[in-house]
């Protein structure tokens, strides 16, 4: 299936190398496509790891094993397969993952629990062990590659490669962060998004690394949606090689902890936004800012109710300032709200305040705003101090075309 590049695409950034991270790609031929579909990342010994995973009750074996092994706090390698999610495949799927873990651990002389595996693609088809074995063998022998090649190999319906980076000062030491992600559809994560990987050369204690990733995730990957569907394979992993030589960060009071977290949050948000910008069939990027909620979590839930509404998303696709649909989505969210305190605006222009349409409301600037690619919806509930921002895209005929043909 040939897909046109999203009109919301962003060019792949020039990311710095991360010491202790070696990237390789290969062709496992999981599908009949003429491209690499396996990414192998070799990590320096004693690399720290943190992860967030899907809450789907039908999670893949990759997720189950990854979630358990991430508790050890150490990683030595990552393998990502594209074209086959290996989810809902029973013992055969698990055997394929364990085979990959054993093959890589033998090559790198590490414990299998230090090898993390992700797969993405069609659900319900066991990952072919022979292709996996040959693909991993080819990757182990391949020459190192760059970030964009590694990101490109893990895509499925993605129309552009997605990467982000940042840096921070930890004391007198500059540390780097670089990451890439894939995701375009089946995006309404309870934790993360499709498959995302972030790497840093900072030295950070694994437990605190996990705390920071979980917090950054709550304000980024858990605030995006494309279609309201949560994947069986959603995974975001953060690896810290410790090669920068900074004084180890073990808690929030350590020098550089806040700076590193700010850089991590920036990378997570940038990657999350790129997924939305590549939403299947997307023509518009939508930011929904909710204020005045009972709590921050309540604000997030209201925002996602709006973002997941097909009626809101199709109205935005058509450039229709139908704020009544936003009212509907607020009302169905199941969160504290007061009709007579609700205010709604588009692109900085309020359409309704305190439960009523403004008598001097002029739709002209709103229509102009909705004709653009970057859309903002403001909602003030007027019942508290909670606030949150979520991001989504419009819903177009393109989404139907892509997903009606997905297995072809």
Protein backbone atom coordinates (compact mmCIF):
# COMPACT_ATOMS: atom_id res chain seq x y z
CA UNK A 1 0.00 0.00 0.00
CA UNK A 2 1.59 3.25 -1.18
CA UNK A 3 0.70 6.17 1.07
CA UNK A 4 1.18 9.85 0.29
CA UNK A 5 3.31 11.74 2.80
CA UNK A 6 1.16 13.46 5.39
CA UNK A 7 0.68 17.19 4.71
CA UNK A 8 1.51 17.68 8.41
CA UNK A 9 4.89 15.89 8.13
CA UNK A 10 8.05 17.29 9.65
CA UNK A 11 11.58 16.62 8.35
CA UNK A 12 13.71 14.18 10.30
CA UNK A 13 16.04 16.17 12.59
CA UNK A 14 19.82 16.00 12.68
CA UNK A 15 20.23 13.93 15.84
CA UNK A 16 23.59 13.56 17.58
CA UNK A 17 25.18 10.16 18.10
CA UNK A 18 24.69 8.74 21.60
CA UNK A 19 27.78 7.06 22.98
CA UNK A 20 27.00 3.47 23.89
CA UNK A 21 24.28 3.14 21.21
CA UNK A 22 24.93 1.31 17.91
CA UNK A 23 22.11 1.14 15.34
CA UNK A 24 21.75 -1.47 12.60
CA UNK A 25 18.95 -2.46 10.19
CA UNK A 26 18.23 -5.50 8.05
CA UNK A 27 15.57 -7.17 5.91
CA UNK A 28 13.69 -9.98 7.59
CA UNK A 29 11.10 -10.01 4.79
CA UNK A 30 8.14 -10.08 7.16
CA UNK A 31 6.06 -8.69 4.28
CA UNK A 32 6.54 -8.53 0.53
CA UNK A 33 8.07 -5.07 0.59
CA UNK A 34 11.39 -3.87 -0.74
CA UNK A 35 12.77 -2.31 2.43
CA UNK A 36 14.44 -3.03 5.75
CA UNK A 37 11.95 -4.13 8.39
CA UNK A 38 14.12 -4.97 11.40
CA UNK A 39 16.06 -2.57 13.61
CA UNK A 40 18.71 -3.80 16.04
CA UNK A 41 20.16 -1.50 18.68
CA UNK A 42 23.22 -2.63 20.59
CA UNK A 43 23.65 -0.93 23.96
CA UNK A 44 26.68 -0.55 26.18
CA UNK A 45 26.89 -2.97 29.12
CA UNK A 46 25.04 -1.77 32.25
CA UNK A 47 22.72 0.52 30.26
CA UNK A 48 19.77 1.54 32.43
CA UNK A 49 16.24 1.05 31.09
CA UNK A 50 12.76 2.35 31.87
CA UNK A 51 9.56 1.50 30.05
CA UNK A 52 5.85 2.15 29.76
CA UNK A 53 3.62 -0.41 28.10
CA UNK A 54 0.08 -0.84 26.86
CA UNK A 55 -2.65 -1.64 29.36
CA UNK A 56 -4.42 -3.76 26.75
CA UNK A 57 -5.71 -7.06 28.15
CA UNK A 58 -4.62 -8.64 24.85
CA UNK A 59 -1.01 -7.49 24.96
CA UNK A 60 1.63 -9.25 22.85
CA UNK A 61 4.32 -11.54 24.26
CA UNK A 62 6.84 -8.80 23.45
CA UNK A 63 4.99 -6.49 25.85
CA UNK A 64 4.60 -9.13 28.56
CA UNK A 65 8.28 -10.08 28.50
CA UNK A 66 9.42 -6.47 28.17
CA UNK A 67 7.31 -5.31 31.07
CA UNK A 68 8.76 -8.03 33.30
CA UNK A 69 12.37 -7.63 32.20
CA UNK A 70 12.31 -3.84 32.48
CA UNK A 71 12.01 -4.33 36.24
CA UNK A 72 15.66 -5.46 36.28
CA UNK A 73 16.63 -1.96 35.20
CA UNK A 74 19.30 -3.13 32.70
CA UNK A 75 19.39 -3.53 28.93
CA UNK A 76 21.94 -4.65 26.36
CA UNK A 77 19.96 -4.69 23.11
CA UNK A 78 16.70 -3.83 21.38
CA UNK A 79 15.13 -5.57 18.37
CA UNK A 80 12.13 -4.08 16.58
CA UNK A 81 10.20 -6.01 13.90
CA UNK A 82 7.83 -4.29 11.44
CA UNK A 83 5.01 -5.88 9.46
CA UNK A 84 3.81 -8.38 12.05
CA UNK A 85 2.67 -7.47 15.56
CA UNK A 86 2.97 -11.07 16.83
CA UNK A 87 0.00 -10.31 19.09
CA UNK A 88 -2.79 -12.81 19.81
CA UNK A 89 -0.48 -15.62 18.72
CA UNK A 90 -0.26 -17.76 21.88
CA UNK A 91 2.74 -19.92 22.68
CA UNK A 92 4.08 -19.68 19.11
CA UNK A 93 4.38 -15.93 19.40
CA UNK A 94 6.17 -16.19 22.73
CA UNK A 95 8.58 -18.80 21.36
CA UNK A 96 9.50 -16.44 18.51
CA UNK A 97 10.30 -13.65 20.97
CA UNK A 98 12.34 -15.94 23.20
CA UNK A 99 14.23 -17.17 20.14
CA UNK A 100 15.19 -13.59 19.24
CA UNK A 101 16.23 -12.86 22.82
CA UNK A 102 18.41 -15.98 22.94
CA UNK A 103 19.99 -15.32 19.55
CA UNK A 104 20.97 -11.75 20.43
CA UNK A 105 22.08 -12.60 23.96
CA UNK A 106 24.39 -15.31 22.60
CA UNK A 107 25.92 -12.84 20.16
CA UNK A 108 26.44 -10.15 22.80
CA UNK A 109 27.27 -12.46 25.72
CA UNK A 110 24.52 -11.07 27.93
CA UNK A 111 21.50 -12.41 29.73
CA UNK A 112 18.36 -12.88 27.56
CA UNK A 113 16.45 -10.64 29.98
CA UNK A 114 18.62 -7.73 28.77
CA UNK A 115 17.31 -8.08 25.20
CA UNK A 116 14.07 -6.21 24.52
CA UNK A 117 11.86 -7.03 21.55
CA UNK A 118 8.99 -5.12 19.94
CA UNK A 119 6.85 -6.01 16.95
CA UNK A 120 4.27 -4.02 15.00
CA UNK A 121 1.88 -4.80 12.18
CA UNK A 122 -0.97 -7.21 11.60
CA UNK A 123 -2.48 -8.86 14.70
CA UNK A 124 -3.09 -12.61 14.86
CA UNK A 125 -0.24 -13.95 12.74
CA UNK A 126 2.70 -15.62 14.57
CA UNK A 127 6.07 -14.04 13.85
CA UNK A 128 7.84 -16.44 11.44
CA UNK A 129 10.77 -17.89 13.36
CA UNK A 130 12.84 -18.58 10.26
CA UNK A 131 12.52 -15.00 9.00
CA UNK A 132 13.20 -13.65 12.48
CA UNK A 133 16.33 -15.76 12.79
CA UNK A 134 17.65 -14.71 9.38
CA UNK A 135 16.76 -11.06 9.97
CA UNK A 136 18.54 -10.90 13.32
CA UNK A 137 21.59 -12.68 11.87
CA UNK A 138 21.73 -10.15 9.05
CA UNK A 139 21.38 -7.23 11.45
CA UNK A 140 24.16 -8.51 13.70
CA UNK A 141 26.51 -8.48 10.69
CA UNK A 142 25.28 -5.19 9.20
CA UNK A 143 27.22 -1.96 9.25
CA UNK A 144 26.07 0.65 11.76
CA UNK A 145 23.51 3.10 10.43
CA UNK A 146 22.00 6.44 11.38
CA UNK A 147 18.91 7.42 13.32
CA UNK A 148 16.70 7.99 10.28
CA UNK A 149 17.44 4.55 8.83
CA UNK A 150 16.64 2.92 12.17
CA UNK A 151 13.39 4.88 12.41
CA UNK A 152 12.37 4.12 8.84
CA UNK A 153 12.76 0.36 9.27
CA UNK A 154 10.13 0.13 12.04
CA UNK A 155 7.30 1.92 10.20
CA UNK A 156 4.08 0.31 8.93
CA UNK A 157 1.45 2.80 7.72
CA UNK A 158 3.72 5.70 8.69
CA UNK A 159 4.20 8.17 5.86
CA UNK A 160 7.34 9.81 7.26
CA UNK A 161 10.08 8.92 9.73
CA UNK A 162 9.82 10.50 13.13
CA UNK A 163 12.64 11.58 15.43
CA UNK A 164 13.40 14.14 18.11
CA UNK A 165 16.32 15.18 20.27
CA UNK A 166 17.38 17.51 23.05
CA UNK A 167 20.27 18.18 25.40
CA UNK A 168 20.69 19.18 29.03
CA UNK A 169 23.41 20.25 31.42
CA UNK A 170 23.92 17.93 34.37
CA UNK A 171 26.30 19.87 36.54
CA UNK A 172 29.16 20.73 34.19
CA UNK A 173 28.39 17.84 31.83
CA UNK A 174 26.31 18.12 28.68
CA UNK A 175 24.12 15.07 28.08
CA UNK A 176 22.28 14.24 24.87
CA UNK A 177 18.92 12.66 24.16
CA UNK A 178 17.73 11.22 20.86
CA UNK A 179 14.67 9.19 20.01
CA UNK A 180 12.50 7.82 17.25
CA UNK A 181 8.96 6.54 17.09
CA UNK A 182 6.47 4.86 14.79
CA UNK A 183 2.74 5.30 14.89
CA UNK A 184 -0.06 6.46 12.63
CA UNK A 185 -3.23 4.55 13.51
CA UNK A 186 -4.59 2.56 16.46
CA UNK A 187 -3.51 5.49 18.60
CA UNK A 188 -5.38 6.14 21.86
CA UNK A 189 -2.79 4.96 24.32
CA UNK A 190 -3.42 4.32 27.96
CA UNK A 191 0.29 4.78 28.54
CA UNK A 192 2.33 5.46 25.48
CA UNK A 193 1.87 5.07 21.77
CA UNK A 194 2.75 2.51 19.16
CA UNK A 195 6.52 1.97 19.43
CA UNK A 196 8.92 4.64 20.71
CA UNK A 197 12.54 4.55 21.83
CA UNK A 198 14.59 7.25 23.53
CA UNK A 199 18.31 7.07 24.21
CA UNK A 200 20.59 9.20 26.37
CA UNK A 201 24.24 9.08 27.41
CA UNK A 202 23.37 10.35 30.89
CA UNK A 203 24.05 8.31 34.03
CA UNK A 204 20.74 7.85 35.85
CA UNK A 205 19.68 5.33 38.47
CA UNK A 206 17.13 2.94 36.86
CA UNK A 207 14.40 3.49 39.43
CA UNK A 208 14.53 7.25 39.00
CA UNK A 209 14.75 6.86 35.23
CA UNK A 210 11.45 4.98 35.41
CA UNK A 211 9.89 7.67 37.58
CA UNK A 212 10.84 10.39 35.12
CA UNK A 213 9.61 8.45 32.08
CA UNK A 214 6.28 7.67 33.74
CA UNK A 215 5.79 11.33 34.59
CA UNK A 216 6.79 12.54 31.11
CA UNK A 217 4.55 9.93 29.52
CA UNK A 218 1.53 11.22 31.45
CA UNK A 219 1.99 14.64 29.84
CA UNK A 220 2.80 13.47 26.33
CA UNK A 221 2.06 10.01 24.94
CA UNK A 222 -0.95 9.57 27.21
CA UNK A 223 -2.38 12.83 25.87
CA UNK A 224 -2.61 11.91 22.18
CA UNK A 225 -5.22 10.09 20.14
CA UNK A 226 -5.80 9.46 16.46
CA UNK A 227 -8.75 7.08 16.43
CA UNK A 228 -9.62 5.99 19.96
CA UNK A 229 -8.08 2.52 19.60
CA UNK A 230 -5.31 1.30 21.91
CA UNK A 231 -2.76 -1.09 20.41
CA UNK A 232 -1.87 -4.52 21.75
CA UNK A 233 1.79 -3.60 21.34
CA UNK A 234 2.20 -0.03 22.64
CA UNK A 235 5.67 0.43 24.09
CA UNK A 236 7.98 3.32 24.93
CA UNK A 237 11.46 2.50 26.24
CA UNK A 238 14.09 4.87 27.59
CA UNK A 239 17.73 3.77 27.66
CA UNK A 240 20.54 5.56 29.55
CA UNK A 241 24.02 4.33 28.65
CA UNK A 242 25.86 6.33 31.32
CA UNK A 243 28.65 7.24 28.90
CA UNK A 244 28.45 11.02 29.41
CA UNK A 245 30.34 10.72 32.69
CA UNK A 246 28.01 12.95 34.73
CA UNK A 247 27.54 12.52 38.44
CA UNK A 248 24.78 9.90 38.70
CA UNK A 249 21.25 11.26 39.00
CA UNK A 250 19.29 9.38 41.65
CA UNK A 251 16.49 11.79 42.62
CA UNK A 252 14.85 15.15 42.02
CA UNK A 253 17.19 17.01 44.37
CA UNK A 254 20.32 15.98 42.44
CA UNK A 255 22.04 18.60 40.30
CA UNK A 256 20.74 18.48 36.74
CA UNK A 257 17.68 16.33 37.47
CA UNK A 258 15.21 19.07 36.55
CA UNK A 259 17.16 20.00 33.44
CA UNK A 260 17.28 16.41 32.26
CA UNK A 261 13.57 15.93 32.91
CA UNK A 262 12.73 19.07 30.93
CA UNK A 263 14.75 17.73 27.99
CA UNK A 264 13.08 14.32 28.29
CA UNK A 265 9.61 15.87 28.38
CA UNK A 266 10.45 17.91 25.29
CA UNK A 267 11.52 14.80 23.38
CA UNK A 268 8.43 12.86 24.50
CA UNK A 269 6.09 15.65 23.46
CA UNK A 270 7.84 16.17 20.14
CA UNK A 271 7.58 12.46 19.34
CA UNK A 272 3.94 12.33 20.46
CA UNK A 273 3.05 15.28 18.24
CA UNK A 274 4.73 13.63 15.25
CA UNK A 275 2.52 10.57 15.66
CA UNK A 276 -0.57 12.76 15.57
CA UNK A 277 0.79 14.65 12.55
CA UNK A 278 1.02 11.31 10.76
CA UNK A 279 -2.44 10.19 11.85
CA UNK A 280 -3.96 8.04 9.14
CA UNK A 281 -5.62 10.36 6.64
CA UNK A 282 -4.91 13.45 8.78
CA UNK A 283 -5.09 16.90 7.23
CA UNK A 284 -5.16 18.96 10.43
CA UNK A 285 -3.27 18.89 13.75
CA UNK A 286 -5.58 19.73 16.66
CA UNK A 287 -4.57 20.97 20.12
CA UNK A 288 -7.28 20.90 22.77
CA UNK A 289 -6.57 22.94 25.91
CA UNK A 290 -8.89 22.24 28.84
CA UNK A 291 -8.89 24.50 31.90
CA UNK A 292 -11.12 24.98 34.92
CA UNK A 293 -11.54 21.24 35.52
CA UNK A 294 -11.98 19.49 38.85
CA UNK A 295 -8.42 18.10 38.55
CA UNK A 296 -5.66 17.74 35.98
CA UNK A 297 -6.67 14.13 35.33
CA UNK A 298 -10.30 15.18 34.90
CA UNK A 299 -9.17 17.81 32.39
CA UNK A 300 -7.24 15.16 30.45
CA UNK A 301 -10.26 12.89 30.29
CA UNK A 302 -12.46 15.71 29.05
CA UNK A 303 -9.85 16.62 26.46
CA UNK A 304 -9.66 13.03 25.22
CA UNK A 305 -13.45 12.82 25.05
CA UNK A 306 -13.40 15.78 22.69
CA UNK A 307 -10.39 14.47 20.77
CA UNK A 308 -11.95 11.03 20.27
CA UNK A 309 -15.32 12.32 19.08
CA UNK A 310 -15.89 11.46 15.40
CA UNK A 311 -18.35 14.35 15.23
CA UNK A 312 -15.80 16.88 16.48
CA UNK A 313 -13.05 15.45 14.28
CA UNK A 314 -15.17 15.47 11.12
CA UNK A 315 -16.36 19.01 11.83
CA UNK A 316 -12.74 20.16 12.02
CA UNK A 317 -12.00 18.25 8.81
CA UNK A 318 -14.72 20.25 7.11
CA UNK A 319 -13.74 23.57 8.68
CA UNK A 320 -17.06 23.75 10.52
CA UNK A 321 -16.98 25.73 13.79
CA UNK A 322 -19.68 23.51 15.28
CA UNK A 323 -19.01 24.19 18.95
CA UNK A 324 -22.20 22.29 19.88
CA UNK A 325 -20.29 19.10 19.15
CA UNK A 326 -17.65 20.15 21.68
CA UNK A 327 -20.42 20.68 24.23
CA UNK A 328 -21.64 17.17 23.49
CA UNK A 329 -18.18 15.69 24.00
CA UNK A 330 -17.72 17.51 27.31
CA UNK A 331 -21.07 16.28 28.52
CA UNK A 332 -20.41 12.62 27.72
CA UNK A 333 -16.95 12.56 29.33
CA UNK A 334 -18.31 11.51 32.72
CA UNK A 335 -16.32 14.22 34.47
CA UNK A 336 -17.54 17.11 36.68
CA UNK A 337 -18.91 19.90 34.48
CA UNK A 338 -21.47 22.66 34.75
CA UNK A 339 -23.40 23.61 31.63
CA UNK A 340 -23.83 27.19 32.83
CA UNK A 341 -20.11 27.71 33.43
CA UNK A 342 -18.79 26.15 30.23
CA UNK A 343 -16.82 28.28 27.74
CA UNK A 344 -15.60 27.19 24.29
CA UNK A 345 -13.30 28.88 21.78
CA UNK A 346 -11.42 28.24 18.55
CA UNK A 347 -8.03 29.74 17.71
CA UNK A 348 -8.21 32.37 20.43
CA UNK A 349 -11.78 33.47 19.65
CA UNK A 350 -14.44 32.58 22.22
CA UNK A 351 -17.70 31.31 20.72
CA UNK A 352 -19.50 30.73 24.01
CA UNK A 353 -18.87 31.90 27.55
CA UNK A 354 -20.53 30.82 30.80
CA UNK A 355 -22.92 28.43 29.12
CA UNK A 356 -24.19 30.77 26.41
CA UNK A 357 -23.18 31.84 22.90
CA UNK A 358 -21.66 35.30 22.86
CA UNK A 359 -24.08 37.86 21.41
CA UNK A 360 -21.32 39.53 19.37
CA UNK A 361 -19.70 36.27 18.24
CA UNK A 362 -18.14 36.67 14.78
CA UNK A 363 -17.41 33.36 13.06
CA UNK A 364 -15.18 34.96 10.39
CA UNK A 365 -11.85 34.67 12.29
CA UNK A 366 -12.83 31.19 13.47
CA UNK A 367 -13.54 30.04 9.92
CA UNK A 368 -10.17 31.43 8.85
CA UNK A 369 -8.46 29.57 11.70
CA UNK A 370 -10.18 26.29 10.86
CA UNK A 371 -9.07 26.58 7.24
CA UNK A 372 -5.46 26.18 8.40
CA UNK A 373 -3.52 23.05 9.36
CA UNK A 374 -2.88 23.79 13.04
CA UNK A 375 -6.10 24.04 15.02
CA UNK A 376 -6.65 25.00 18.66
CA UNK A 377 -9.77 24.39 20.72
CA UNK A 378 -10.08 26.01 24.16
CA UNK A 379 -12.49 24.66 26.77
CA UNK A 380 -12.94 26.19 30.23
CA UNK A 381 -15.15 24.09 32.51
CA UNK A 382 -15.30 26.70 35.27
CA UNK A 383 -15.46 24.17 38.12
CA UNK A 384 -11.86 24.03 39.43
CA UNK A 385 -8.18 24.58 38.75
CA UNK A 386 -7.38 21.43 36.77
CA UNK A 387 -5.88 21.77 33.34
CA UNK A 388 -4.50 19.57 30.58
CA UNK A 389 -3.66 19.71 26.89
CA UNK A 390 -4.29 16.84 24.50
CA UNK A 391 -3.56 16.47 20.81
CA UNK A 392 -5.38 14.77 17.97
CA UNK A 393 -6.05 15.07 14.24
CA UNK A 394 -9.11 15.36 12.06
CA UNK A 395 -11.02 12.38 10.68
CA UNK A 396 -11.14 12.16 6.89
CA UNK A 397 -12.00 9.73 4.09
CA UNK A 398 -8.29 8.85 4.03
CA UNK A 399 -8.57 7.05 7.38
CA UNK A 400 -11.25 4.75 6.00
CA UNK A 401 -9.31 4.04 2.82
CA UNK A 402 -6.14 3.09 4.70
CA UNK A 403 -7.83 0.84 7.25
CA UNK A 404 -10.22 -0.84 4.83
CA UNK A 405 -7.15 -2.03 2.94
CA UNK A 406 -4.69 -2.59 5.81
CA UNK A 407 -4.02 -6.33 5.29
CA UNK A 408 -3.81 -6.06 1.49
